[in-house]
């Protein structure tokens, strides 16, 4: 089974930015990736870690996934796949946020988002 992890700072940002009902919709949207982990647009790769985005209205939610495990199509092989949501942006700050994610991955690695 695919495990979804939402970084604490992102969860707090979602709760601050959106109403309770809309925040719950967003969280539910993020957890839909448990059933279909191939959803989302690929934005780039850094050291085998794939950066993908999931859209909700005018906002984008960025998550990291191990690129090698994502290529596996069998459900049985997706047992230890972890999708970690790390950042959120609107259309205006999209490029800046993607570059920040890449810098953190290059310098610290996936542990930089805990």
PDB file of N, CA and C in Angstrom:
ATOM      1  N   UNK A   1       0.839  -1.195   0.000  1.00  0.00           N
ATOM      2  CA  UNK A   1       0.000   0.000   0.000  1.00  0.00           C
ATOM      3  C   UNK A   1       0.874   1.245   0.000  1.00  0.00           C
ATOM      4  N   UNK A   2       0.408   2.251  -0.621  1.00  0.00           N
ATOM      5  CA  UNK A   2       1.111   3.524  -0.692  1.00  0.00           C
ATOM      6  C   UNK A   2       0.861   4.295   0.598  1.00  0.00           C
ATOM      7  N   UNK A   3       1.917   4.889   1.139  1.00  0.00           N
ATOM      8  CA  UNK A   3       1.788   5.682   2.353  1.00  0.00           C
ATOM      9  C   UNK A   3       1.893   7.159   1.990  1.00  0.00           C
ATOM     10  N   UNK A   4       0.941   7.944   2.454  1.00  0.00           N
ATOM     11  CA  UNK A   4       0.932   9.385   2.225  1.00  0.00           C
ATOM     12  C   UNK A   4       1.397  10.076   3.495  1.00  0.00           C
ATOM     13  N   UNK A   5       2.346  10.983   3.356  1.00  0.00           N
ATOM     14  CA  UNK A   5       2.839  11.765   4.493  1.00  0.00           C
ATOM     15  C   UNK A   5       2.756  13.237   4.128  1.00  0.00           C
ATOM     16  N   UNK A   6       2.153  14.016   4.987  1.00  0.00           N
ATOM     17  CA  UNK A   6       2.060  15.461   4.773  1.00  0.00           C
ATOM     18  C   UNK A   6       2.939  16.131   5.828  1.00  0.00           C
ATOM     19  N   UNK A   7       3.926  16.881   5.371  1.00  0.00           N
ATOM     20  CA  UNK A   7       4.840  17.560   6.288  1.00  0.00           C
ATOM     21  C   UNK A   7       4.032  18.514   7.168  1.00  0.00           C
ATOM     22  N   UNK A   8       4.402  18.576   8.436  1.00  0.00           N
ATOM     23  CA  UNK A   8       3.644  19.371   9.417  1.00  0.00           C
ATOM     24  C   UNK A   8       3.492  20.834   8.999  1.00  0.00           C
ATOM     25  N   UNK A   9       4.558  21.416   8.467  1.00  0.00           N
ATOM     26  CA  UNK A   9       4.483  22.829   8.064  1.00  0.00           C
ATOM     27  C   UNK A   9       3.470  23.033   6.941  1.00  0.00           C
ATOM     28  N   UNK A  10       3.335  22.062   6.044  1.00  0.00           N
ATOM     29  CA  UNK A  10       2.348  22.164   4.972  1.00  0.00           C
ATOM     30  C   UNK A  10       0.935  22.026   5.530  1.00  0.00           C
ATOM     31  N   UNK A  11       0.734  21.095   6.443  1.00  0.00           N
ATOM     32  CA  UNK A  11      -0.593  20.924   7.050  1.00  0.00           C
ATOM     33  C   UNK A  11      -1.032  22.203   7.759  1.00  0.00           C
ATOM     34  N   UNK A  12      -0.120  22.848   8.452  1.00  0.00           N
ATOM     35  CA  UNK A  12      -0.433  24.107   9.140  1.00  0.00           C
ATOM     36  C   UNK A  12      -0.765  25.196   8.121  1.00  0.00           C
ATOM     37  N   UNK A  13       0.011  25.275   7.018  1.00  0.00           N
ATOM     38  CA  UNK A  13      -0.242  26.277   5.983  1.00  0.00           C
ATOM     39  C   UNK A  13      -1.608  26.072   5.331  1.00  0.00           C
ATOM     40  N   UNK A  14      -1.992  24.827   5.108  1.00  0.00           N
ATOM     41  CA  UNK A  14      -3.305  24.536   4.522  1.00  0.00           C
ATOM     42  C   UNK A  14      -4.413  24.989   5.461  1.00  0.00           C
ATOM     43  N   UNK A  15      -4.270  24.693   6.743  1.00  0.00           N
ATOM     44  CA  UNK A  15      -5.298  25.073   7.715  1.00  0.00           C
ATOM     45  C   UNK A  15      -5.407  26.586   7.871  1.00  0.00           C
ATOM     46  N   UNK A  16      -4.295  27.311   7.726  1.00  0.00           N
ATOM     47  CA  UNK A  16      -4.332  28.769   7.822  1.00  0.00           C
ATOM     48  C   UNK A  16      -4.950  29.404   6.581  1.00  0.00           C
ATOM     49  N   UNK A  17      -4.647  28.862   5.421  1.00  0.00           N
ATOM     50  CA  UNK A  17      -5.034  29.469   4.151  1.00  0.00           C
ATOM     51  C   UNK A  17      -6.492  29.218   3.782  1.00  0.00           C
ATOM     52  N   UNK A  18      -7.016  28.042   4.160  1.00  0.00           N
ATOM     53  CA  UNK A  18      -8.347  27.632   3.717  1.00  0.00           C
ATOM     54  C   UNK A  18      -9.298  27.468   4.899  1.00  0.00           C
ATOM     55  N   UNK A  19     -10.597  27.532   4.595  1.00  0.00           N
ATOM     56  CA  UNK A  19     -11.598  27.262   5.626  1.00  0.00           C
ATOM     57  C   UNK A  19     -11.502  25.785   6.023  1.00  0.00           C
ATOM     58  N   UNK A  20     -12.128  25.433   7.129  1.00  0.00           N
ATOM     59  CA  UNK A  20     -12.047  24.064   7.619  1.00  0.00           C
ATOM     60  C   UNK A  20     -12.600  23.072   6.595  1.00  0.00           C
ATOM     61  N   UNK A  21     -13.726  23.392   5.978  1.00  0.00           N
ATOM     62  CA  UNK A  21     -14.341  22.494   4.995  1.00  0.00           C
ATOM     63  C   UNK A  21     -13.428  22.326   3.781  1.00  0.00           C
ATOM     64  N   UNK A  22     -12.906  23.447   3.287  1.00  0.00           N
ATOM     65  CA  UNK A  22     -12.042  23.371   2.111  1.00  0.00           C
ATOM     66  C   UNK A  22     -10.711  22.686   2.439  1.00  0.00           C
ATOM     67  N   UNK A  23     -10.175  22.923   3.634  1.00  0.00           N
ATOM     68  CA  UNK A  23      -8.939  22.255   4.051  1.00  0.00           C
ATOM     69  C   UNK A  23      -9.142  20.742   4.100  1.00  0.00           C
ATOM     70  N   UNK A  24     -10.302  20.317   4.584  1.00  0.00           N
ATOM     71  CA  UNK A  24     -10.596  18.879   4.611  1.00  0.00           C
ATOM     72  C   UNK A  24     -10.700  18.302   3.198  1.00  0.00           C
ATOM     73  N   UNK A  25     -11.277  19.064   2.269  1.00  0.00           N
ATOM     74  CA  UNK A  25     -11.344  18.622   0.870  1.00  0.00           C
ATOM     75  C   UNK A  25      -9.945  18.441   0.294  1.00  0.00           C
ATOM     76  N   UNK A  26      -9.066  19.370   0.606  1.00  0.00           N
ATOM     77  CA  UNK A  26      -7.692  19.315   0.097  1.00  0.00           C
ATOM     78  C   UNK A  26      -6.963  18.100   0.667  1.00  0.00           C
ATOM     79  N   UNK A  27      -7.101  17.894   1.960  1.00  0.00           N
ATOM     80  CA  UNK A  27      -6.454  16.738   2.593  1.00  0.00           C
ATOM     81  C   UNK A  27      -6.977  15.447   1.965  1.00  0.00           C
ATOM     82  N   UNK A  28      -8.290  15.373   1.744  1.00  0.00           N
ATOM     83  CA  UNK A  28      -8.873  14.192   1.092  1.00  0.00           C
ATOM     84  C   UNK A  28      -8.304  14.011  -0.314  1.00  0.00           C
ATOM     85  N   UNK A  29      -8.141  15.120  -1.044  1.00  0.00           N
ATOM     86  CA  UNK A  29      -7.560  15.058  -2.377  1.00  0.00           C
ATOM     87  C   UNK A  29      -6.145  14.488  -2.325  1.00  0.00           C
ATOM     88  N   UNK A  30      -5.353  14.938  -1.358  1.00  0.00           N
ATOM     89  CA  UNK A  30      -3.986  14.446  -1.241  1.00  0.00           C
ATOM     90  C   UNK A  30      -3.963  12.947  -0.934  1.00  0.00           C
ATOM     91  N   UNK A  31      -4.896  12.499  -0.130  1.00  0.00           N
ATOM     92  CA  UNK A  31      -4.942  11.077   0.231  1.00  0.00           C
ATOM     93  C   UNK A  31      -5.520  10.194  -0.878  1.00  0.00           C
ATOM     94  N   UNK A  32      -6.082  10.780  -1.944  1.00  0.00           N
ATOM     95  CA  UNK A  32      -6.558   9.959  -3.056  1.00  0.00           C
ATOM     96  C   UNK A  32      -5.397   9.286  -3.779  1.00  0.00           C
ATOM     97  N   UNK A  33      -4.188   9.774  -3.555  1.00  0.00           N
ATOM     98  CA  UNK A  33      -3.024   9.166  -4.184  1.00  0.00           C
ATOM     99  C   UNK A  33      -2.714   7.777  -3.624  1.00  0.00           C
ATOM    100  N   UNK A  34      -3.311   7.426  -2.503  1.00  0.00           N
ATOM    101  CA  UNK A  34      -3.139   6.059  -1.996  1.00  0.00           C
ATOM    102  C   UNK A  34      -3.659   5.051  -3.008  1.00  0.00           C
ATOM    103  N   UNK A  35      -4.754   5.384  -3.662  1.00  0.00           N
ATOM    104  CA  UNK A  35      -5.360   4.472  -4.626  1.00  0.00           C
ATOM    105  C   UNK A  35      -4.799   4.626  -6.036  1.00  0.00           C
ATOM    106  N   UNK A  36      -4.321   5.799  -6.377  1.00  0.00           N
ATOM    107  CA  UNK A  36      -3.750   6.011  -7.717  1.00  0.00           C
ATOM    108  C   UNK A  36      -2.476   6.853  -7.602  1.00  0.00           C
ATOM    109  N   UNK A  37      -1.355   6.225  -7.238  1.00  0.00           N
ATOM    110  CA  UNK A  37      -0.111   6.962  -6.990  1.00  0.00           C
ATOM    111  C   UNK A  37       0.534   7.562  -8.237  1.00  0.00           C
ATOM    112  N   UNK A  38       0.045   7.235  -9.411  1.00  0.00           N
ATOM    113  CA  UNK A  38       0.627   7.786 -10.627  1.00  0.00           C
ATOM    114  C   UNK A  38       0.006   9.129 -11.011  1.00  0.00           C
ATOM    115  N   UNK A  39      -0.970   9.594 -10.216  1.00  0.00           N
ATOM    116  CA  UNK A  39      -1.594  10.899 -10.462  1.00  0.00           C
ATOM    117  C   UNK A  39      -0.581  12.010 -10.258  1.00  0.00           C
ATOM    118  N   UNK A  40      -0.817  13.130 -10.900  1.00  0.00           N
ATOM    119  CA  UNK A  40       0.035  14.293 -10.713  1.00  0.00           C
ATOM    120  C   UNK A  40       0.985  14.488 -11.873  1.00  0.00           C
ATOM    121  N   UNK A  41       1.412  15.723 -12.034  1.00  0.00           N
ATOM    122  CA  UNK A  41       2.308  16.091 -13.127  1.00  0.00           C
ATOM    123  C   UNK A  41       3.756  16.054 -12.631  1.00  0.00           C
ATOM    124  N   UNK A  42       4.621  15.388 -13.380  1.00  0.00           N
ATOM    125  CA  UNK A  42       6.044  15.326 -13.038  1.00  0.00           C
ATOM    126  C   UNK A  42       6.696  16.660 -13.392  1.00  0.00           C
ATOM    127  N   UNK A  43       7.413  17.235 -12.423  1.00  0.00           N
ATOM    128  CA  UNK A  43       8.064  18.532 -12.622  1.00  0.00           C
ATOM    129  C   UNK A  43       9.567  18.422 -12.786  1.00  0.00           C
ATOM    130  N   UNK A  44      10.139  17.359 -12.271  1.00  0.00           N
ATOM    131  CA  UNK A  44      11.585  17.196 -12.363  1.00  0.00           C
ATOM    132  C   UNK A  44      12.060  16.084 -11.469  1.00  0.00           C
ATOM    133  N   UNK A  45      13.351  15.780 -11.601  1.00  0.00           N
ATOM    134  CA  UNK A  45      13.970  14.725 -10.812  1.00  0.00           C
ATOM    135  C   UNK A  45      15.283  15.238 -10.245  1.00  0.00           C
ATOM    136  N   UNK A  46      15.537  14.928  -8.979  1.00  0.00           N
ATOM    137  CA  UNK A  46      16.807  15.271  -8.341  1.00  0.00           C
ATOM    138  C   UNK A  46      17.298  14.026  -7.623  1.00  0.00           C
ATOM    139  N   UNK A  47      18.370  13.434  -8.125  1.00  0.00           N
ATOM    140  CA  UNK A  47      18.970  12.271  -7.471  1.00  0.00           C
ATOM    141  C   UNK A  47      18.027  11.090  -7.306  1.00  0.00           C
ATOM    142  N   UNK A  48      17.193  10.829  -8.275  1.00  0.00           N
ATOM    143  CA  UNK A  48      16.271   9.701  -8.196  1.00  0.00           C
ATOM    144  C   UNK A  48      14.960  10.009  -7.495  1.00  0.00           C
ATOM    145  N   UNK A  49      14.843  11.188  -6.925  1.00  0.00           N
ATOM    146  CA  UNK A  49      13.607  11.621  -6.271  1.00  0.00           C
ATOM    147  C   UNK A  49      12.813  12.455  -7.281  1.00  0.00           C
ATOM    148  N   UNK A  50      11.578  12.054  -7.527  1.00  0.00           N
ATOM    149  CA  UNK A  50      10.730  12.754  -8.491  1.00  0.00           C
ATOM    150  C   UNK A  50       9.893  13.796  -7.759  1.00  0.00           C
ATOM    151  N   UNK A  51       9.851  15.002  -8.306  1.00  0.00           N
ATOM    152  CA  UNK A  51       9.007  16.081  -7.777  1.00  0.00           C
ATOM    153  C   UNK A  51       7.765  16.123  -8.652  1.00  0.00           C
ATOM    154  N   UNK A  52       6.588  15.999  -8.014  1.00  0.00           N
ATOM    155  CA  UNK A  52       5.326  16.024  -8.756  1.00  0.00           C
ATOM    156  C   UNK A  52       4.407  17.056  -8.125  1.00  0.00           C
ATOM    157  N   UNK A  53       3.395  17.466  -8.900  1.00  0.00           N
ATOM    158  CA  UNK A  53       2.431  18.426  -8.363  1.00  0.00           C
ATOM    159  C   UNK A  53       1.022  17.900  -8.571  1.00  0.00           C
ATOM    160  N   UNK A  54       0.167  18.282  -7.650  1.00  0.00           N
ATOM    161  CA  UNK A  54      -1.256  17.988  -7.716  1.00  0.00           C
ATOM    162  C   UNK A  54      -1.969  19.328  -7.611  1.00  0.00           C
ATOM    163  N   UNK A  55      -2.908  19.589  -8.517  1.00  0.00           N
ATOM    164  CA  UNK A  55      -3.586  20.884  -8.551  1.00  0.00           C
ATOM    165  C   UNK A  55      -4.921  20.834  -7.832  1.00  0.00           C
ATOM    166  N   UNK A  56      -5.227  21.940  -7.168  1.00  0.00           N
ATOM    167  CA  UNK A  56      -6.542  22.169  -6.566  1.00  0.00           C
ATOM    168  C   UNK A  56      -6.873  23.630  -6.818  1.00  0.00           C
ATOM    169  N   UNK A  57      -7.839  23.872  -7.672  1.00  0.00           N
ATOM    170  CA  UNK A  57      -8.199  25.224  -8.116  1.00  0.00           C
ATOM    171  C   UNK A  57      -6.954  25.937  -8.616  1.00  0.00           C
ATOM    172  N   UNK A  58      -6.583  27.071  -8.019  1.00  0.00           N
ATOM    173  CA  UNK A  58      -5.398  27.783  -8.499  1.00  0.00           C
ATOM    174  C   UNK A  58      -4.149  27.447  -7.680  1.00  0.00           C
ATOM    175  N   UNK A  59      -4.237  26.488  -6.785  1.00  0.00           N
ATOM    176  CA  UNK A  59      -3.115  26.113  -5.934  1.00  0.00           C
ATOM    177  C   UNK A  59      -2.485  24.817  -6.401  1.00  0.00           C
ATOM    178  N   UNK A  60      -1.198  24.684  -6.113  1.00  0.00           N
ATOM    179  CA  UNK A  60      -0.468  23.474  -6.441  1.00  0.00           C
ATOM    180  C   UNK A  60       0.135  22.910  -5.160  1.00  0.00           C
ATOM    181  N   UNK A  61       0.087  21.594  -5.037  1.00  0.00           N
ATOM    182  CA  UNK A  61       0.654  20.903  -3.890  1.00  0.00           C
ATOM    183  C   UNK A  61       1.749  19.984  -4.416  1.00  0.00           C
ATOM    184  N   UNK A  62       2.955  20.152  -3.878  1.00  0.00           N
ATOM    185  CA  UNK A  62       4.120  19.443  -4.381  1.00  0.00           C
ATOM    186  C   UNK A  62       4.454  18.275  -3.477  1.00  0.00           C
ATOM    187  N   UNK A  63       4.766  17.142  -4.107  1.00  0.00           N
ATOM    188  CA  UNK A  63       5.150  15.977  -3.333  1.00  0.00           C
ATOM    189  C   UNK A  63       6.331  15.270  -3.967  1.00  0.00           C
ATOM    190  N   UNK A  64       7.027  14.487  -3.134  1.00  0.00           N
ATOM    191  CA  UNK A  64       8.219  13.758  -3.535  1.00  0.00           C
ATOM    192  C   UNK A  64       7.917  12.270  -3.534  1.00  0.00           C
ATOM    193  N   UNK A  65       8.519  11.578  -4.487  1.00  0.00           N
ATOM    194  CA  UNK A  65       8.348  10.131  -4.564  1.00  0.00           C
ATOM    195  C   UNK A  65       9.634   9.531  -5.117  1.00  0.00           C
ATOM    196  N   UNK A  66       9.969   8.333  -4.668  1.00  0.00           N
ATOM    197  CA  UNK A  66      11.134   7.621  -5.184  1.00  0.00           C
ATOM    198  C   UNK A  66      10.863   7.239  -6.633  1.00  0.00           C
ATOM    199  N   UNK A  67      11.618   7.788  -7.546  1.00  0.00           N
ATOM    200  CA  UNK A  67      11.395   7.588  -8.968  1.00  0.00           C
ATOM    201  C   UNK A  67      11.524   6.149  -9.414  1.00  0.00           C
ATOM    202  N   UNK A  68      12.387   5.380  -8.744  1.00  0.00           N
ATOM    203  CA  UNK A  68      12.581   3.992  -9.134  1.00  0.00           C
ATOM    204  C   UNK A  68      11.365   3.145  -8.777  1.00  0.00           C
ATOM    205  N   UNK A  69      10.784   3.395  -7.629  1.00  0.00           N
ATOM    206  CA  UNK A  69       9.614   2.626  -7.200  1.00  0.00           C
ATOM    207  C   UNK A  69       8.358   3.047  -7.955  1.00  0.00           C
ATOM    208  N   UNK A  70       8.295   4.296  -8.384  1.00  0.00           N
ATOM    209  CA  UNK A  70       7.115   4.793  -9.092  1.00  0.00           C
ATOM    210  C   UNK A  70       6.938   4.107 -10.437  1.00  0.00           C
ATOM    211  N   UNK A  71       8.027   3.715 -11.063  1.00  0.00           N
ATOM    212  CA  UNK A  71       7.947   3.054 -12.370  1.00  0.00           C
ATOM    213  C   UNK A  71       7.313   1.674 -12.286  1.00  0.00           C
ATOM    214  N   UNK A  72       7.322   1.086 -11.111  1.00  0.00           N
ATOM    215  CA  UNK A  72       6.752  -0.251 -10.934  1.00  0.00           C
ATOM    216  C   UNK A  72       5.234  -0.130 -11.043  1.00  0.00           C
ATOM    217  N   UNK A  73       4.629  -0.938 -11.872  1.00  0.00           N
ATOM    218  CA  UNK A  73       3.192  -0.807 -12.102  1.00  0.00           C
ATOM    219  C   UNK A  73       2.368  -1.783 -11.279  1.00  0.00           C
ATOM    220  N   UNK A  74       2.963  -2.815 -10.750  1.00  0.00           N
ATOM    221  CA  UNK A  74       2.221  -3.826 -10.007  1.00  0.00           C
ATOM    222  C   UNK A  74       1.815  -3.305  -8.628  1.00  0.00           C
ATOM    223  N   UNK A  75       0.575  -3.564  -8.241  1.00  0.00           N
ATOM    224  CA  UNK A  75       0.077  -3.107  -6.928  1.00  0.00           C
ATOM    225  C   UNK A  75       0.870  -3.747  -5.789  1.00  0.00           C
ATOM    226  N   UNK A  76       1.267  -5.007  -5.941  1.00  0.00           N
ATOM    227  CA  UNK A  76       2.001  -5.700  -4.878  1.00  0.00           C
ATOM    228  C   UNK A  76       3.361  -5.046  -4.624  1.00  0.00           C
ATOM    229  N   UNK A  77       3.950  -4.506  -5.677  1.00  0.00           N
ATOM    230  CA  UNK A  77       5.263  -3.891  -5.549  1.00  0.00           C
ATOM    231  C   UNK A  77       5.208  -2.484  -4.976  1.00  0.00           C
ATOM    232  N   UNK A  78       4.029  -1.912  -4.848  1.00  0.00           N
ATOM    233  CA  UNK A  78       3.891  -0.554  -4.313  1.00  0.00           C
ATOM    234  C   UNK A  78       3.722  -0.531  -2.794  1.00  0.00           C
ATOM    235  N   UNK A  79       4.036  -1.638  -2.146  1.00  0.00           N
ATOM    236  CA  UNK A  79       3.809  -1.751  -0.702  1.00  0.00           C
ATOM    237  C   UNK A  79       4.573  -0.689   0.076  1.00  0.00           C
ATOM    238  N   UNK A  80       5.817  -0.424  -0.288  1.00  0.00           N
ATOM    239  CA  UNK A  80       6.623   0.497   0.509  1.00  0.00           C
ATOM    240  C   UNK A  80       6.874   1.829  -0.195  1.00  0.00           C
ATOM    241  N   UNK A  81       5.937   2.259  -1.018  1.00  0.00           N
ATOM    242  CA  UNK A  81       6.066   3.554  -1.690  1.00  0.00           C
ATOM    243  C   UNK A  81       5.582   4.661  -0.755  1.00  0.00           C
ATOM    244  N   UNK A  82       6.396   5.674  -0.595  1.00  0.00           N
ATOM    245  CA  UNK A  82       6.052   6.810   0.262  1.00  0.00           C
ATOM    246  C   UNK A  82       5.921   8.052  -0.594  1.00  0.00           C
ATOM    247  N   UNK A  83       4.794   8.725  -0.473  1.00  0.00           N
ATOM    248  CA  UNK A  83       4.590  10.014  -1.126  1.00  0.00           C
ATOM    249  C   UNK A  83       4.588  11.065  -0.033  1.00  0.00           C
ATOM    250  N   UNK A  84       5.518  12.009  -0.107  1.00  0.00           N
ATOM    251  CA  UNK A  84       5.638  13.029   0.931  1.00  0.00           C
ATOM    252  C   UNK A  84       5.283  14.392   0.342  1.00  0.00           C
ATOM    253  N   UNK A  85       4.185  14.961   0.821  1.00  0.00           N
ATOM    254  CA  UNK A  85       3.788  16.307   0.399  1.00  0.00           C
ATOM    255  C   UNK A  85       4.615  17.306   1.188  1.00  0.00           C
ATOM    256  N   UNK A  86       5.254  18.232   0.468  1.00  0.00           N
ATOM    257  CA  UNK A  86       6.205  19.119   1.128  1.00  0.00           C
ATOM    258  C   UNK A  86       5.885  20.607   1.031  1.00  0.00           C
ATOM    259  N   UNK A  87       5.267  21.046  -0.055  1.00  0.00           N
ATOM    260  CA  UNK A  87       5.028  22.479  -0.219  1.00  0.00           C
ATOM    261  C   UNK A  87       3.725  22.744  -0.962  1.00  0.00           C
ATOM    262  N   UNK A  88       3.308  24.023  -0.905  1.00  0.00           N
ATOM    263  CA  UNK A  88       2.104  24.483  -1.582  1.00  0.00           C
ATOM    264  C   UNK A  88       2.442  25.835  -2.206  1.00  0.00           C
ATOM    265  N   UNK A  89       1.826  26.144  -3.355  1.00  0.00           N
ATOM    266  CA  UNK A  89       2.013  27.467  -3.954  1.00  0.00           C
ATOM    267  C   UNK A  89       0.786  27.822  -4.766  1.00  0.00           C
ATOM    268  N   UNK A  90       0.712  29.101  -5.111  1.00  0.00           N
ATOM    269  CA  UNK A  90      -0.293  29.511  -6.090  1.00  0.00           C
ATOM    270  C   UNK A  90       0.434  29.677  -7.418  1.00  0.00           C
ATOM    271  N   UNK A  91      -0.277  30.051  -8.441  1.00  0.00           N
ATOM    272  CA  UNK A  91       0.312  30.138  -9.778  1.00  0.00           C
ATOM    273  C   UNK A  91       1.451  31.155  -9.836  1.00  0.00           C
ATOM    274  N   UNK A  92       1.358  32.218  -9.068  1.00  0.00           N
ATOM    275  CA  UNK A  92       2.369  33.283  -9.115  1.00  0.00           C
ATOM    276  C   UNK A  92       3.716  32.867  -8.538  1.00  0.00           C
ATOM    277  N   UNK A  93       3.728  32.012  -7.529  1.00  0.00           N
ATOM    278  CA  UNK A  93       4.976  31.624  -6.868  1.00  0.00           C
ATOM    279  C   UNK A  93       5.419  30.211  -7.222  1.00  0.00           C
ATOM    280  N   UNK A  94       4.811  29.639  -8.223  1.00  0.00           N
ATOM    281  CA  UNK A  94       5.063  28.251  -8.595  1.00  0.00           C
ATOM    282  C   UNK A  94       6.542  27.982  -8.898  1.00  0.00           C
ATOM    283  N   UNK A  95       7.146  28.737  -9.770  1.00  0.00           N
ATOM    284  CA  UNK A  95       8.542  28.510 -10.185  1.00  0.00           C
ATOM    285  C   UNK A  95       9.491  28.640  -9.001  1.00  0.00           C
ATOM    286  N   UNK A  96       9.270  29.642  -8.140  1.00  0.00           N
ATOM    287  CA  UNK A  96      10.136  29.869  -6.977  1.00  0.00           C
ATOM    288  C   UNK A  96      10.084  28.682  -6.018  1.00  0.00           C
ATOM    289  N   UNK A  97       8.894  28.165  -5.764  1.00  0.00           N
ATOM    290  CA  UNK A  97       8.731  27.044  -4.832  1.00  0.00           C
ATOM    291  C   UNK A  97       9.383  25.778  -5.390  1.00  0.00           C
ATOM    292  N   UNK A  98       9.230  25.529  -6.683  1.00  0.00           N
ATOM    293  CA  UNK A  98       9.847  24.352  -7.301  1.00  0.00           C
ATOM    294  C   UNK A  98      11.371  24.432  -7.185  1.00  0.00           C
ATOM    295  N   UNK A  99      11.928  25.599  -7.419  1.00  0.00           N
ATOM    296  CA  UNK A  99      13.379  25.782  -7.303  1.00  0.00           C
ATOM    297  C   UNK A  99      13.842  25.581  -5.856  1.00  0.00           C
ATOM    298  N   UNK A 100      13.058  26.060  -4.870  1.00  0.00           N
ATOM    299  CA  UNK A 100      13.395  25.853  -3.458  1.00  0.00           C
ATOM    300  C   UNK A 100      13.431  24.366  -3.129  1.00  0.00           C
ATOM    301  N   UNK A 101      12.462  23.615  -3.624  1.00  0.00           N
ATOM    302  CA  UNK A 101      12.407  22.174  -3.382  1.00  0.00           C
ATOM    303  C   UNK A 101      13.648  21.503  -3.968  1.00  0.00           C
ATOM    304  N   UNK A 102      14.025  21.886  -5.186  1.00  0.00           N
ATOM    305  CA  UNK A 102      15.205  21.294  -5.820  1.00  0.00           C
ATOM    306  C   UNK A 102      16.481  21.597  -5.036  1.00  0.00           C
ATOM    307  N   UNK A 103      16.610  22.829  -4.549  1.00  0.00           N
ATOM    308  CA  UNK A 103      17.794  23.210  -3.778  1.00  0.00           C
ATOM    309  C   UNK A 103      17.885  22.382  -2.498  1.00  0.00           C
ATOM    310  N   UNK A 104      16.781  22.239  -1.787  1.00  0.00           N
ATOM    311  CA  UNK A 104      16.786  21.448  -0.550  1.00  0.00           C
ATOM    312  C   UNK A 104      17.138  19.999  -0.853  1.00  0.00           C
ATOM    313  N   UNK A 105      16.597  19.434  -1.924  1.00  0.00           N
ATOM    314  CA  UNK A 105      16.919  18.058  -2.289  1.00  0.00           C
ATOM    315  C   UNK A 105      18.392  17.889  -2.636  1.00  0.00           C
ATOM    316  N   UNK A 106      18.966  18.867  -3.337  1.00  0.00           N
ATOM    317  CA  UNK A 106      20.379  18.775  -3.719  1.00  0.00           C
ATOM    318  C   UNK A 106      21.302  18.890  -2.516  1.00  0.00           C
ATOM    319  N   UNK A 107      20.982  19.776  -1.592  1.00  0.00           N
ATOM    320  CA  UNK A 107      21.865  20.038  -0.466  1.00  0.00           C
ATOM    321  C   UNK A 107      21.658  19.046   0.675  1.00  0.00           C
ATOM    322  N   UNK A 108      20.422  18.849   1.087  1.00  0.00           N
ATOM    323  CA  UNK A 108      20.120  18.038   2.267  1.00  0.00           C
ATOM    324  C   UNK A 108      19.547  16.676   1.910  1.00  0.00           C
ATOM    325  N   UNK A 109      18.747  16.628   0.862  1.00  0.00           N
ATOM    326  CA  UNK A 109      18.062  15.395   0.489  1.00  0.00           C
ATOM    327  C   UNK A 109      16.637  15.410   1.034  1.00  0.00           C
ATOM    328  N   UNK A 110      15.910  14.300   0.875  1.00  0.00           N
ATOM    329  CA  UNK A 110      14.509  14.240   1.305  1.00  0.00           C
ATOM    330  C   UNK A 110      14.315  14.497   2.806  1.00  0.00           C
ATOM    331  N   UNK A 111      15.345  14.261   3.616  1.00  0.00           N
ATOM    332  CA  UNK A 111      15.245  14.481   5.064  1.00  0.00           C
ATOM    333  C   UNK A 111      15.103  15.966   5.396  1.00  0.00           C
ATOM    334  N   UNK A 112      15.369  16.841   4.442  1.00  0.00           N
ATOM    335  CA  UNK A 112      15.277  18.278   4.672  1.00  0.00           C
ATOM    336  C   UNK A 112      13.853  18.781   4.807  1.00  0.00           C
ATOM    337  N   UNK A 113      12.885  17.928   4.580  1.00  0.00           N
ATOM    338  CA  UNK A 113      11.472  18.325   4.642  1.00  0.00           C
ATOM    339  C   UNK A 113      10.750  17.754   5.848  1.00  0.00           C
ATOM    340  N   UNK A 114      11.447  17.408   6.882  1.00  0.00           N
ATOM    341  CA  UNK A 114      10.770  16.821   8.049  1.00  0.00           C
ATOM    342  C   UNK A 114      10.332  17.835   9.040  1.00  0.00           C
TER     343      UNK A 114
END
